[in-house]
Amino acid sequence: MFLKANPAPIWSTRQFRALKGDWKAILDSLTDDVFITFDLDGLDPAYLPGTGTPEPGGLDWYEASDLIGAVAAKKRIVGFDVVELAPLPGNVASDFLAARMTYRMIGHMLKSQR
């Protein structure tokens, strides 16, 4: 119901990959000030298995990181959150990836303020 009243562009992983790094359409759809919610479910579980809803075929680290970097280069990131980490006992890879993404988001947010 909300999306019917407030249409917003949505890209599937296949549509995103078909852009081949030309993210102009995505960047043009954003306002000048951007709040990013980074849902870890969007990453392929081969990279981050410790999440609430693992989605096979999701983005890899570089796709996600490069897109956020492109947003920071063109828009002002006013805030962000990183959600959906579900740690797996004995497997810290997901925890470290989530921490690293959070650290990277802080850097991109600061960069975008200039």
PDB file of N, CA and C in Angstrom:
ATOM      1  N   MET A   1       0.817  -1.180   0.000  1.00  0.00           N
ATOM      2  CA  MET A   1       0.000   0.000   0.000  1.00  0.00           C
ATOM      3  C   MET A   1       0.875   1.265   0.000  1.00  0.00           C
ATOM      4  N   PHE A   2       1.933   1.268   0.836  1.00  0.00           N
ATOM      5  CA  PHE A   2       2.810   2.435   0.887  1.00  0.00           C
ATOM      6  C   PHE A   2       3.455   2.697  -0.468  1.00  0.00           C
ATOM      7  N   LEU A   3       3.961   1.629  -1.123  1.00  0.00           N
ATOM      8  CA  LEU A   3       4.626   1.808  -2.412  1.00  0.00           C
ATOM      9  C   LEU A   3       3.662   2.265  -3.501  1.00  0.00           C
ATOM     10  N   LYS A   4       2.410   1.874  -3.406  1.00  0.00           N
ATOM     11  CA  LYS A   4       1.426   2.363  -4.382  1.00  0.00           C
ATOM     12  C   LYS A   4       1.241   3.865  -4.230  1.00  0.00           C
ATOM     13  N   ALA A   5       1.222   4.335  -3.001  1.00  0.00           N
ATOM     14  CA  ALA A   5       1.039   5.761  -2.742  1.00  0.00           C
ATOM     15  C   ALA A   5       2.329   6.546  -2.965  1.00  0.00           C
ATOM     16  N   ASN A   6       3.466   5.891  -2.807  1.00  0.00           N
ATOM     17  CA  ASN A   6       4.778   6.543  -2.927  1.00  0.00           C
ATOM     18  C   ASN A   6       5.689   5.674  -3.776  1.00  0.00           C
ATOM     19  N   PRO A   7       5.482   5.649  -5.092  1.00  0.00           N
ATOM     20  CA  PRO A   7       6.288   4.758  -5.931  1.00  0.00           C
ATOM     21  C   PRO A   7       7.787   5.033  -5.781  1.00  0.00           C
ATOM     22  N   ALA A   8       8.549   3.967  -5.715  1.00  0.00           N
ATOM     23  CA  ALA A   8       9.998   4.070  -5.615  1.00  0.00           C
ATOM     24  C   ALA A   8      10.606   3.008  -6.523  1.00  0.00           C
ATOM     25  N   PRO A   9      11.680   3.347  -7.211  1.00  0.00           N
ATOM     26  CA  PRO A   9      12.317   2.342  -8.065  1.00  0.00           C
ATOM     27  C   PRO A   9      12.942   1.232  -7.227  1.00  0.00           C
ATOM     28  N   ILE A  10      12.827   0.032  -7.724  1.00  0.00           N
ATOM     29  CA  ILE A  10      13.404  -1.139  -7.066  1.00  0.00           C
ATOM     30  C   ILE A  10      14.169  -1.927  -8.128  1.00  0.00           C
ATOM     31  N   TRP A  11      15.390  -2.334  -7.793  1.00  0.00           N
ATOM     32  CA  TRP A  11      16.198  -3.129  -8.709  1.00  0.00           C
ATOM     33  C   TRP A  11      16.436  -4.497  -8.094  1.00  0.00           C
ATOM     34  N   SER A  12      16.167  -5.528  -8.849  1.00  0.00           N
ATOM     35  CA  SER A  12      16.527  -6.874  -8.406  1.00  0.00           C
ATOM     36  C   SER A  12      18.040  -7.026  -8.574  1.00  0.00           C
ATOM     37  N   THR A  13      18.582  -8.084  -8.015  1.00  0.00           N
ATOM     38  CA  THR A  13      20.023  -8.323  -8.165  1.00  0.00           C
ATOM     39  C   THR A  13      20.380  -8.472  -9.644  1.00  0.00           C
ATOM     40  N   ARG A  14      19.550  -9.159 -10.404  1.00  0.00           N
ATOM     41  CA  ARG A  14      19.824  -9.318 -11.847  1.00  0.00           C
ATOM     42  C   ARG A  14      19.794  -7.976 -12.568  1.00  0.00           C
ATOM     43  N   GLN A  15      18.807  -7.149 -12.244  1.00  0.00           N
ATOM     44  CA  GLN A  15      18.724  -5.824 -12.873  1.00  0.00           C
ATOM     45  C   GLN A  15      19.926  -4.972 -12.472  1.00  0.00           C
ATOM     46  N   PHE A  16      20.307  -5.056 -11.211  1.00  0.00           N
ATOM     47  CA  PHE A  16      21.468  -4.329 -10.713  1.00  0.00           C
ATOM     48  C   PHE A  16      22.726  -4.747 -11.475  1.00  0.00           C
ATOM     49  N   ARG A  17      22.925  -6.050 -11.613  1.00  0.00           N
ATOM     50  CA  ARG A  17      24.120  -6.539 -12.307  1.00  0.00           C
ATOM     51  C   ARG A  17      24.097  -6.187 -13.788  1.00  0.00           C
ATOM     52  N   ALA A  18      22.926  -6.119 -14.371  1.00  0.00           N
ATOM     53  CA  ALA A  18      22.818  -5.751 -15.791  1.00  0.00           C
ATOM     54  C   ALA A  18      23.282  -4.317 -16.033  1.00  0.00           C
ATOM     55  N   LEU A  19      23.293  -3.488 -14.993  1.00  0.00           N
ATOM     56  CA  LEU A  19      23.775  -2.113 -15.136  1.00  0.00           C
ATOM     57  C   LEU A  19      25.294  -2.074 -15.341  1.00  0.00           C
ATOM     58  N   LYS A  20      25.983  -3.148 -14.973  1.00  0.00           N
ATOM     59  CA  LYS A  20      27.436  -3.289 -15.166  1.00  0.00           C
ATOM     60  C   LYS A  20      28.225  -2.084 -14.639  1.00  0.00           C
ATOM     61  N   GLY A  21      27.840  -1.626 -13.456  1.00  0.00           N
ATOM     62  CA  GLY A  21      28.574  -0.524 -12.836  1.00  0.00           C
ATOM     63  C   GLY A  21      28.130   0.857 -13.266  1.00  0.00           C
ATOM     64  N   ASP A  22      27.233   0.963 -14.217  1.00  0.00           N
ATOM     65  CA  ASP A  22      26.689   2.267 -14.616  1.00  0.00           C
ATOM     66  C   ASP A  22      25.444   2.524 -13.775  1.00  0.00           C
ATOM     67  N   TRP A  23      25.648   3.093 -12.609  1.00  0.00           N
ATOM     68  CA  TRP A  23      24.580   3.247 -11.633  1.00  0.00           C
ATOM     69  C   TRP A  23      23.875   4.595 -11.723  1.00  0.00           C
ATOM     70  N   LYS A  24      23.987   5.267 -12.859  1.00  0.00           N
ATOM     71  CA  LYS A  24      23.362   6.580 -13.017  1.00  0.00           C
ATOM     72  C   LYS A  24      21.872   6.533 -12.703  1.00  0.00           C
ATOM     73  N   ALA A  25      21.176   5.521 -13.190  1.00  0.00           N
ATOM     74  CA  ALA A  25      19.724   5.424 -12.939  1.00  0.00           C
ATOM     75  C   ALA A  25      19.441   5.322 -11.446  1.00  0.00           C
ATOM     76  N   ILE A  26      20.250   4.560 -10.734  1.00  0.00           N
ATOM     77  CA  ILE A  26      20.061   4.432  -9.289  1.00  0.00           C
ATOM     78  C   ILE A  26      20.359   5.755  -8.605  1.00  0.00           C
ATOM     79  N   LEU A  27      21.495   6.348  -8.926  1.00  0.00           N
ATOM     80  CA  LEU A  27      21.893   7.603  -8.283  1.00  0.00           C
ATOM     81  C   LEU A  27      20.911   8.727  -8.586  1.00  0.00           C
ATOM     82  N   ASP A  28      20.405   8.776  -9.819  1.00  0.00           N
ATOM     83  CA  ASP A  28      19.443   9.818 -10.192  1.00  0.00           C
ATOM     84  C   ASP A  28      18.112   9.669  -9.467  1.00  0.00           C
ATOM     85  N   SER A  29      17.808   8.470  -8.998  1.00  0.00           N
ATOM     86  CA  SER A  29      16.534   8.249  -8.306  1.00  0.00           C
ATOM     87  C   SER A  29      16.591   8.674  -6.837  1.00  0.00           C
ATOM     88  N   LEU A  30      17.788   9.007  -6.348  1.00  0.00           N
ATOM     89  CA  LEU A  30      17.962   9.374  -4.943  1.00  0.00           C
ATOM     90  C   LEU A  30      17.861  10.883  -4.744  1.00  0.00           C
ATOM     91  N   THR A  31      17.465  11.280  -3.557  1.00  0.00           N
ATOM     92  CA  THR A  31      17.494  12.696  -3.198  1.00  0.00           C
ATOM     93  C   THR A  31      18.941  13.092  -2.905  1.00  0.00           C
ATOM     94  N   ASP A  32      19.189  14.373  -2.743  1.00  0.00           N
ATOM     95  CA  ASP A  32      20.555  14.821  -2.454  1.00  0.00           C
ATOM     96  C   ASP A  32      21.045  14.322  -1.099  1.00  0.00           C
ATOM     97  N   ASP A  33      20.143  14.259  -0.113  1.00  0.00           N
ATOM     98  CA  ASP A  33      20.465  13.719   1.205  1.00  0.00           C
ATOM     99  C   ASP A  33      19.911  12.294   1.281  1.00  0.00           C
ATOM    100  N   VAL A  34      20.763  11.356   1.686  1.00  0.00           N
ATOM    101  CA  VAL A  34      20.399   9.943   1.651  1.00  0.00           C
ATOM    102  C   VAL A  34      20.644   9.309   3.024  1.00  0.00           C
ATOM    103  N   PHE A  35      19.674   8.525   3.481  1.00  0.00           N
ATOM    104  CA  PHE A  35      19.853   7.651   4.642  1.00  0.00           C
ATOM    105  C   PHE A  35      19.910   6.237   4.088  1.00  0.00           C
ATOM    106  N   ILE A  36      20.956   5.494   4.409  1.00  0.00           N
ATOM    107  CA  ILE A  36      21.130   4.142   3.878  1.00  0.00           C
ATOM    108  C   ILE A  36      20.823   3.119   4.961  1.00  0.00           C
ATOM    109  N   THR A  37      19.905   2.230   4.669  1.00  0.00           N
ATOM    110  CA  THR A  37      19.696   1.046   5.484  1.00  0.00           C
ATOM    111  C   THR A  37      20.345  -0.105   4.735  1.00  0.00           C
ATOM    112  N   PHE A  38      21.408  -0.635   5.298  1.00  0.00           N
ATOM    113  CA  PHE A  38      22.108  -1.743   4.663  1.00  0.00           C
ATOM    114  C   PHE A  38      21.633  -3.027   5.299  1.00  0.00           C
ATOM    115  N   ASP A  39      20.831  -3.788   4.564  1.00  0.00           N
ATOM    116  CA  ASP A  39      20.286  -5.051   5.048  1.00  0.00           C
ATOM    117  C   ASP A  39      21.240  -6.166   4.633  1.00  0.00           C
ATOM    118  N   LEU A  40      21.873  -6.788   5.611  1.00  0.00           N
ATOM    119  CA  LEU A  40      22.850  -7.835   5.336  1.00  0.00           C
ATOM    120  C   LEU A  40      22.243  -9.019   4.588  1.00  0.00           C
ATOM    121  N   ASP A  41      20.908  -9.167   4.629  1.00  0.00           N
ATOM    122  CA  ASP A  41      20.234 -10.220   3.863  1.00  0.00           C
ATOM    123  C   ASP A  41      20.485 -10.064   2.366  1.00  0.00           C
ATOM    124  N   GLY A  42      20.822  -8.860   1.924  1.00  0.00           N
ATOM    125  CA  GLY A  42      21.050  -8.613   0.501  1.00  0.00           C
ATOM    126  C   GLY A  42      22.355  -9.176  -0.024  1.00  0.00           C
ATOM    127  N   LEU A  43      23.233  -9.589   0.886  1.00  0.00           N
ATOM    128  CA  LEU A  43      24.492 -10.200   0.469  1.00  0.00           C
ATOM    129  C   LEU A  43      24.302 -11.696   0.268  1.00  0.00           C
ATOM    130  N   ASP A  44      25.054 -12.247  -0.653  1.00  0.00           N
ATOM    131  CA  ASP A  44      24.991 -13.685  -0.881  1.00  0.00           C
ATOM    132  C   ASP A  44      25.451 -14.413   0.387  1.00  0.00           C
ATOM    133  N   PRO A  45      24.739 -15.462   0.806  1.00  0.00           N
ATOM    134  CA  PRO A  45      25.133 -16.177   2.019  1.00  0.00           C
ATOM    135  C   PRO A  45      26.501 -16.856   1.925  1.00  0.00           C
ATOM    136  N   ALA A  46      27.064 -16.969   0.738  1.00  0.00           N
ATOM    137  CA  ALA A  46      28.431 -17.472   0.635  1.00  0.00           C
ATOM    138  C   ALA A  46      29.398 -16.503   1.317  1.00  0.00           C
ATOM    139  N   TYR A  47      29.024 -15.217   1.365  1.00  0.00           N
ATOM    140  CA  TYR A  47      29.851 -14.200   2.000  1.00  0.00           C
ATOM    141  C   TYR A  47      29.408 -13.935   3.431  1.00  0.00           C
ATOM    142  N   LEU A  48      28.102 -14.026   3.682  1.00  0.00           N
ATOM    143  CA  LEU A  48      27.565 -13.713   4.994  1.00  0.00           C
ATOM    144  C   LEU A  48      26.418 -14.680   5.317  1.00  0.00           C
ATOM    145  N   PRO A  49      26.754 -15.848   5.868  1.00  0.00           N
ATOM    146  CA  PRO A  49      25.699 -16.812   6.174  1.00  0.00           C
ATOM    147  C   PRO A  49      24.903 -16.465   7.432  1.00  0.00           C
ATOM    148  N   GLY A  50      25.469 -15.651   8.315  1.00  0.00           N
ATOM    149  CA  GLY A  50      24.826 -15.347   9.584  1.00  0.00           C
ATOM    150  C   GLY A  50      23.850 -14.193   9.474  1.00  0.00           C
ATOM    151  N   THR A  51      22.720 -14.451   8.853  1.00  0.00           N
ATOM    152  CA  THR A  51      21.700 -13.423   8.685  1.00  0.00           C
ATOM    153  C   THR A  51      20.334 -14.046   8.871  1.00  0.00           C
ATOM    154  N   GLY A  52      19.348 -13.205   9.084  1.00  0.00           N
ATOM    155  CA  GLY A  52      18.001 -13.691   9.352  1.00  0.00           C
ATOM    156  C   GLY A  52      17.377 -14.457   8.208  1.00  0.00           C
ATOM    157  N   THR A  53      17.589 -13.971   7.002  1.00  0.00           N
ATOM    158  CA  THR A  53      16.991 -14.596   5.821  1.00  0.00           C
ATOM    159  C   THR A  53      18.037 -14.678   4.718  1.00  0.00           C
ATOM    160  N   PRO A  54      18.869 -15.709   4.703  1.00  0.00           N
ATOM    161  CA  PRO A  54      19.892 -15.823   3.656  1.00  0.00           C
ATOM    162  C   PRO A  54      19.240 -15.880   2.269  1.00  0.00           C
ATOM    163  N   GLU A  55      19.769 -15.084   1.336  1.00  0.00           N
ATOM    164  CA  GLU A  55      19.218 -15.007  -0.015  1.00  0.00           C
ATOM    165  C   GLU A  55      20.269 -15.432  -1.038  1.00  0.00           C
ATOM    166  N   PRO A  56      20.197 -16.665  -1.537  1.00  0.00           N
ATOM    167  CA  PRO A  56      21.147 -17.096  -2.565  1.00  0.00           C
ATOM    168  C   PRO A  56      21.106 -16.149  -3.768  1.00  0.00           C
ATOM    169  N   GLY A  57      22.280 -15.877  -4.307  1.00  0.00           N
ATOM    170  CA  GLY A  57      22.358 -14.996  -5.475  1.00  0.00           C
ATOM    171  C   GLY A  57      22.428 -13.528  -5.125  1.00  0.00           C
ATOM    172  N   GLY A  58      22.637 -13.227  -3.857  1.00  0.00           N
ATOM    173  CA  GLY A  58      22.711 -11.831  -3.438  1.00  0.00           C
ATOM    174  C   GLY A  58      24.007 -11.169  -3.893  1.00  0.00           C
ATOM    175  N   LEU A  59      24.158  -9.922  -3.495  1.00  0.00           N
ATOM    176  CA  LEU A  59      25.342  -9.144  -3.877  1.00  0.00           C
ATOM    177  C   LEU A  59      26.591  -9.695  -3.212  1.00  0.00           C
ATOM    178  N   ASP A  60      27.736  -9.411  -3.819  1.00  0.00           N
ATOM    179  CA  ASP A  60      28.990  -9.745  -3.160  1.00  0.00           C
ATOM    180  C   ASP A  60      29.536  -8.481  -2.483  1.00  0.00           C
ATOM    181  N   TRP A  61      30.626  -8.628  -1.771  1.00  0.00           N
ATOM    182  CA  TRP A  61      31.213  -7.521  -1.015  1.00  0.00           C
ATOM    183  C   TRP A  61      31.515  -6.328  -1.918  1.00  0.00           C
ATOM    184  N   TYR A  62      32.134  -6.570  -3.057  1.00  0.00           N
ATOM    185  CA  TYR A  62      32.566  -5.477  -3.924  1.00  0.00           C
ATOM    186  C   TYR A  62      31.386  -4.766  -4.568  1.00  0.00           C
ATOM    187  N   GLU A  63      30.370  -5.496  -4.966  1.00  0.00           N
ATOM    188  CA  GLU A  63      29.189  -4.856  -5.547  1.00  0.00           C
ATOM    189  C   GLU A  63      28.543  -3.903  -4.538  1.00  0.00           C
ATOM    190  N   ALA A  64      28.357  -4.383  -3.327  1.00  0.00           N
ATOM    191  CA  ALA A  64      27.730  -3.562  -2.299  1.00  0.00           C
ATOM    192  C   ALA A  64      28.608  -2.372  -1.929  1.00  0.00           C
ATOM    193  N   SER A  65      29.872  -2.631  -1.708  1.00  0.00           N
ATOM    194  CA  SER A  65      30.794  -1.575  -1.300  1.00  0.00           C
ATOM    195  C   SER A  65      30.963  -0.528  -2.395  1.00  0.00           C
ATOM    196  N   ASP A  66      31.070  -0.959  -3.632  1.00  0.00           N
ATOM    197  CA  ASP A  66      31.232  -0.010  -4.744  1.00  0.00           C
ATOM    198  C   ASP A  66      29.988   0.851  -4.931  1.00  0.00           C
ATOM    199  N   LEU A  67      28.816   0.269  -4.767  1.00  0.00           N
ATOM    200  CA  LEU A  67      27.587   1.059  -4.897  1.00  0.00           C
ATOM    201  C   LEU A  67      27.518   2.114  -3.793  1.00  0.00           C
ATOM    202  N   ILE A  68      27.835   1.736  -2.580  1.00  0.00           N
ATOM    203  CA  ILE A  68      27.805   2.710  -1.485  1.00  0.00           C
ATOM    204  C   ILE A  68      28.829   3.816  -1.728  1.00  0.00           C
ATOM    205  N   GLY A  69      29.987   3.439  -2.249  1.00  0.00           N
ATOM    206  CA  GLY A  69      30.996   4.443  -2.597  1.00  0.00           C
ATOM    207  C   GLY A  69      30.502   5.395  -3.679  1.00  0.00           C
ATOM    208  N   ALA A  70      29.773   4.875  -4.656  1.00  0.00           N
ATOM    209  CA  ALA A  70      29.218   5.720  -5.723  1.00  0.00           C
ATOM    210  C   ALA A  70      28.172   6.672  -5.164  1.00  0.00           C
ATOM    211  N   VAL A  71      27.363   6.184  -4.235  1.00  0.00           N
ATOM    212  CA  VAL A  71      26.374   7.055  -3.596  1.00  0.00           C
ATOM    213  C   VAL A  71      27.094   8.172  -2.846  1.00  0.00           C
ATOM    214  N   ALA A  72      28.134   7.827  -2.091  1.00  0.00           N
ATOM    215  CA  ALA A  72      28.872   8.825  -1.319  1.00  0.00           C
ATOM    216  C   ALA A  72      29.543   9.870  -2.202  1.00  0.00           C
ATOM    217  N   ALA A  73      29.936   9.475  -3.408  1.00  0.00           N
ATOM    218  CA  ALA A  73      30.599  10.413  -4.324  1.00  0.00           C
ATOM    219  C   ALA A  73      29.624  11.427  -4.913  1.00  0.00           C
ATOM    220  N   LYS A  74      28.339  11.081  -4.988  1.00  0.00           N
ATOM    221  CA  LYS A  74      27.352  11.952  -5.650  1.00  0.00           C
ATOM    222  C   LYS A  74      26.313  12.551  -4.714  1.00  0.00           C
ATOM    223  N   LYS A  75      26.122  11.936  -3.553  1.00  0.00           N
ATOM    224  CA  LYS A  75      25.067  12.351  -2.628  1.00  0.00           C
ATOM    225  C   LYS A  75      25.655  12.572  -1.239  1.00  0.00           C
ATOM    226  N   ARG A  76      24.863  13.154  -0.359  1.00  0.00           N
ATOM    227  CA  ARG A  76      25.291  13.351   1.021  1.00  0.00           C
ATOM    228  C   ARG A  76      24.603  12.304   1.882  1.00  0.00           C
ATOM    229  N   ILE A  77      25.382  11.415   2.479  1.00  0.00           N
ATOM    230  CA  ILE A  77      24.837  10.395   3.361  1.00  0.00           C
ATOM    231  C   ILE A  77      24.665  11.033   4.744  1.00  0.00           C
ATOM    232  N   VAL A  78      23.418  11.140   5.178  1.00  0.00           N
ATOM    233  CA  VAL A  78      23.118  11.818   6.447  1.00  0.00           C
ATOM    234  C   VAL A  78      23.026  10.840   7.615  1.00  0.00           C
ATOM    235  N   GLY A  79      22.991   9.561   7.315  1.00  0.00           N
ATOM    236  CA  GLY A  79      22.934   8.536   8.352  1.00  0.00           C
ATOM    237  C   GLY A  79      22.810   7.176   7.710  1.00  0.00           C
ATOM    238  N   PHE A  80      22.980   6.142   8.517  1.00  0.00           N
ATOM    239  CA  PHE A  80      22.872   4.782   7.992  1.00  0.00           C
ATOM    240  C   PHE A  80      22.646   3.819   9.140  1.00  0.00           C
ATOM    241  N   ASP A  81      22.187   2.642   8.795  1.00  0.00           N
ATOM    242  CA  ASP A  81      22.187   1.536   9.733  1.00  0.00           C
ATOM    243  C   ASP A  81      22.530   0.261   8.981  1.00  0.00           C
ATOM    244  N   VAL A  82      23.006  -0.714   9.715  1.00  0.00           N
ATOM    245  CA  VAL A  82      23.350  -2.028   9.173  1.00  0.00           C
ATOM    246  C   VAL A  82      22.528  -3.028   9.988  1.00  0.00           C
ATOM    247  N   VAL A  83      21.667  -3.785   9.301  1.00  0.00           N
ATOM    248  CA  VAL A  83      20.706  -4.630  10.014  1.00  0.00           C
ATOM    249  C   VAL A  83      20.752  -6.076   9.543  1.00  0.00           C
ATOM    250  N   GLU A  84      20.159  -6.952  10.344  1.00  0.00           N
ATOM    251  CA  GLU A  84      19.913  -8.365  10.039  1.00  0.00           C
ATOM    252  C   GLU A  84      21.109  -9.288  10.260  1.00  0.00           C
ATOM    253  N   LEU A  85      22.036  -8.906  11.121  1.00  0.00           N
ATOM    254  CA  LEU A  85      23.085  -9.848  11.503  1.00  0.00           C
ATOM    255  C   LEU A  85      22.495 -10.850  12.487  1.00  0.00           C
ATOM    256  N   ALA A  86      22.685 -12.125  12.211  1.00  0.00           N
ATOM    257  CA  ALA A  86      22.258 -13.202  13.111  1.00  0.00           C
ATOM    258  C   ALA A  86      23.470 -14.096  13.331  1.00  0.00           C
ATOM    259  N   PRO A  87      24.321 -13.749  14.303  1.00  0.00           N
ATOM    260  CA  PRO A  87      25.580 -14.478  14.499  1.00  0.00           C
ATOM    261  C   PRO A  87      25.386 -15.984  14.624  1.00  0.00           C
ATOM    262  N   LEU A  88      26.325 -16.703  14.042  1.00  0.00           N
ATOM    263  CA  LEU A  88      26.342 -18.165  14.110  1.00  0.00           C
ATOM    264  C   LEU A  88      27.424 -18.576  15.103  1.00  0.00           C
ATOM    265  N   PRO A  89      27.078 -19.326  16.145  1.00  0.00           N
ATOM    266  CA  PRO A  89      28.089 -19.747  17.119  1.00  0.00           C
ATOM    267  C   PRO A  89      29.252 -20.472  16.432  1.00  0.00           C
ATOM    268  N   GLY A  90      30.458 -20.033  16.762  1.00  0.00           N
ATOM    269  CA  GLY A  90      31.643 -20.677  16.214  1.00  0.00           C
ATOM    270  C   GLY A  90      32.051 -20.189  14.836  1.00  0.00           C
ATOM    271  N   ASN A  91      31.282 -19.288  14.229  1.00  0.00           N
ATOM    272  CA  ASN A  91      31.602 -18.763  12.896  1.00  0.00           C
ATOM    273  C   ASN A  91      31.538 -17.245  12.962  1.00  0.00           C
ATOM    274  N   VAL A  92      32.704 -16.607  12.995  1.00  0.00           N
ATOM    275  CA  VAL A  92      32.742 -15.151  13.168  1.00  0.00           C
ATOM    276  C   VAL A  92      32.836 -14.385  11.847  1.00  0.00           C
ATOM    277  N   ALA A  93      32.839 -15.081  10.719  1.00  0.00           N
ATOM    278  CA  ALA A  93      32.993 -14.395   9.435  1.00  0.00           C
ATOM    279  C   ALA A  93      31.886 -13.365   9.208  1.00  0.00           C
ATOM    280  N   SER A  94      30.659 -13.713   9.504  1.00  0.00           N
ATOM    281  CA  SER A  94      29.540 -12.786   9.313  1.00  0.00           C
ATOM    282  C   SER A  94      29.686 -11.563  10.225  1.00  0.00           C
ATOM    283  N   ASP A  95      30.110 -11.799  11.452  1.00  0.00           N
ATOM    284  CA  ASP A  95      30.290 -10.705  12.409  1.00  0.00           C
ATOM    285  C   ASP A  95      31.344  -9.720  11.905  1.00  0.00           C
ATOM    286  N   PHE A  96      32.445 -10.260  11.401  1.00  0.00           N
ATOM    287  CA  PHE A  96      33.518  -9.400  10.912  1.00  0.00           C
ATOM    288  C   PHE A  96      33.099  -8.647   9.656  1.00  0.00           C
ATOM    289  N   LEU A  97      32.376  -9.305   8.761  1.00  0.00           N
ATOM    290  CA  LEU A  97      31.913  -8.614   7.562  1.00  0.00           C
ATOM    291  C   LEU A  97      30.963  -7.477   7.940  1.00  0.00           C
ATOM    292  N   ALA A  98      30.050  -7.720   8.867  1.00  0.00           N
ATOM    293  CA  ALA A  98      29.118  -6.674   9.299  1.00  0.00           C
ATOM    294  C   ALA A  98      29.871  -5.507   9.935  1.00  0.00           C
ATOM    295  N   ALA A  99      30.873  -5.822  10.746  1.00  0.00           N
ATOM    296  CA  ALA A  99      31.675  -4.763  11.376  1.00  0.00           C
ATOM    297  C   ALA A  99      32.452  -3.983  10.326  1.00  0.00           C
ATOM    298  N   ARG A 100      33.021  -4.699   9.379  1.00  0.00           N
ATOM    299  CA  ARG A 100      33.795  -4.032   8.325  1.00  0.00           C
ATOM    300  C   ARG A 100      32.897  -3.143   7.461  1.00  0.00           C
ATOM    301  N   MET A 101      31.681  -3.619   7.157  1.00  0.00           N
ATOM    302  CA  MET A 101      30.757  -2.801   6.376  1.00  0.00           C
ATOM    303  C   MET A 101      30.358  -1.556   7.165  1.00  0.00           C
ATOM    304  N   THR A 102      30.148  -1.705   8.447  1.00  0.00           N
ATOM    305  CA  THR A 102      29.810  -0.551   9.284  1.00  0.00           C
ATOM    306  C   THR A 102      30.949   0.462   9.277  1.00  0.00           C
ATOM    307  N   TYR A 103      32.169  -0.017   9.436  1.00  0.00           N
ATOM    308  CA  TYR A 103      33.354   0.841   9.396  1.00  0.00           C
ATOM    309  C   TYR A 103      33.452   1.562   8.048  1.00  0.00           C
ATOM    310  N   ARG A 104      33.225   0.830   6.980  1.00  0.00           N
ATOM    311  CA  ARG A 104      33.282   1.417   5.632  1.00  0.00           C
ATOM    312  C   ARG A 104      32.189   2.462   5.450  1.00  0.00           C
ATOM    313  N   MET A 105      30.996   2.182   5.972  1.00  0.00           N
ATOM    314  CA  MET A 105      29.887   3.139   5.861  1.00  0.00           C
ATOM    315  C   MET A 105      30.215   4.436   6.593  1.00  0.00           C
ATOM    316  N   ILE A 106      30.868   4.333   7.747  1.00  0.00           N
ATOM    317  CA  ILE A 106      31.274   5.545   8.468  1.00  0.00           C
ATOM    318  C   ILE A 106      32.194   6.378   7.577  1.00  0.00           C
ATOM    319  N   GLY A 107      33.172   5.739   6.966  1.00  0.00           N
ATOM    320  CA  GLY A 107      34.089   6.451   6.078  1.00  0.00           C
ATOM    321  C   GLY A 107      33.378   7.083   4.899  1.00  0.00           C
ATOM    322  N   HIS A 108      32.468   6.337   4.267  1.00  0.00           N
ATOM    323  CA  HIS A 108      31.732   6.891   3.126  1.00  0.00           C
ATOM    324  C   HIS A 108      30.838   8.041   3.556  1.00  0.00           C
ATOM    325  N   MET A 109      30.225   7.929   4.718  1.00  0.00           N
ATOM    326  CA  MET A 109      29.369   9.007   5.194  1.00  0.00           C
ATOM    327  C   MET A 109      30.195  10.274   5.422  1.00  0.00           C
ATOM    328  N   LEU A 110      31.340  10.134   6.062  1.00  0.00           N
ATOM    329  CA  LEU A 110      32.205  11.291   6.291  1.00  0.00           C
ATOM    330  C   LEU A 110      32.686  11.893   4.976  1.00  0.00           C
ATOM    331  N   LYS A 111      33.051  11.036   4.029  1.00  0.00           N
ATOM    332  CA  LYS A 111      33.496  11.502   2.717  1.00  0.00           C
ATOM    333  C   LYS A 111      32.382  12.291   2.019  1.00  0.00           C
ATOM    334  N   SER A 112      31.158  11.826   2.151  1.00  0.00           N
ATOM    335  CA  SER A 112      30.048  12.464   1.436  1.00  0.00           C
ATOM    336  C   SER A 112      29.690  13.824   2.023  1.00  0.00           C
ATOM    337  N   GLN A 113      30.172  14.145   3.212  1.00  0.00           N
ATOM    338  CA  GLN A 113      29.855  15.423   3.865  1.00  0.00           C
ATOM    339  C   GLN A 113      30.658  16.571   3.289  1.00  0.00           C
ATOM    340  N   ARG A 114      31.700  16.269   2.530  1.00  0.00           N
ATOM    341  CA  ARG A 114      32.577  17.334   1.999  1.00  0.00           C
ATOM    342  C   ARG A 114      31.935  18.069   0.863  1.00  0.00           C
TER     343      ARG A 114
END
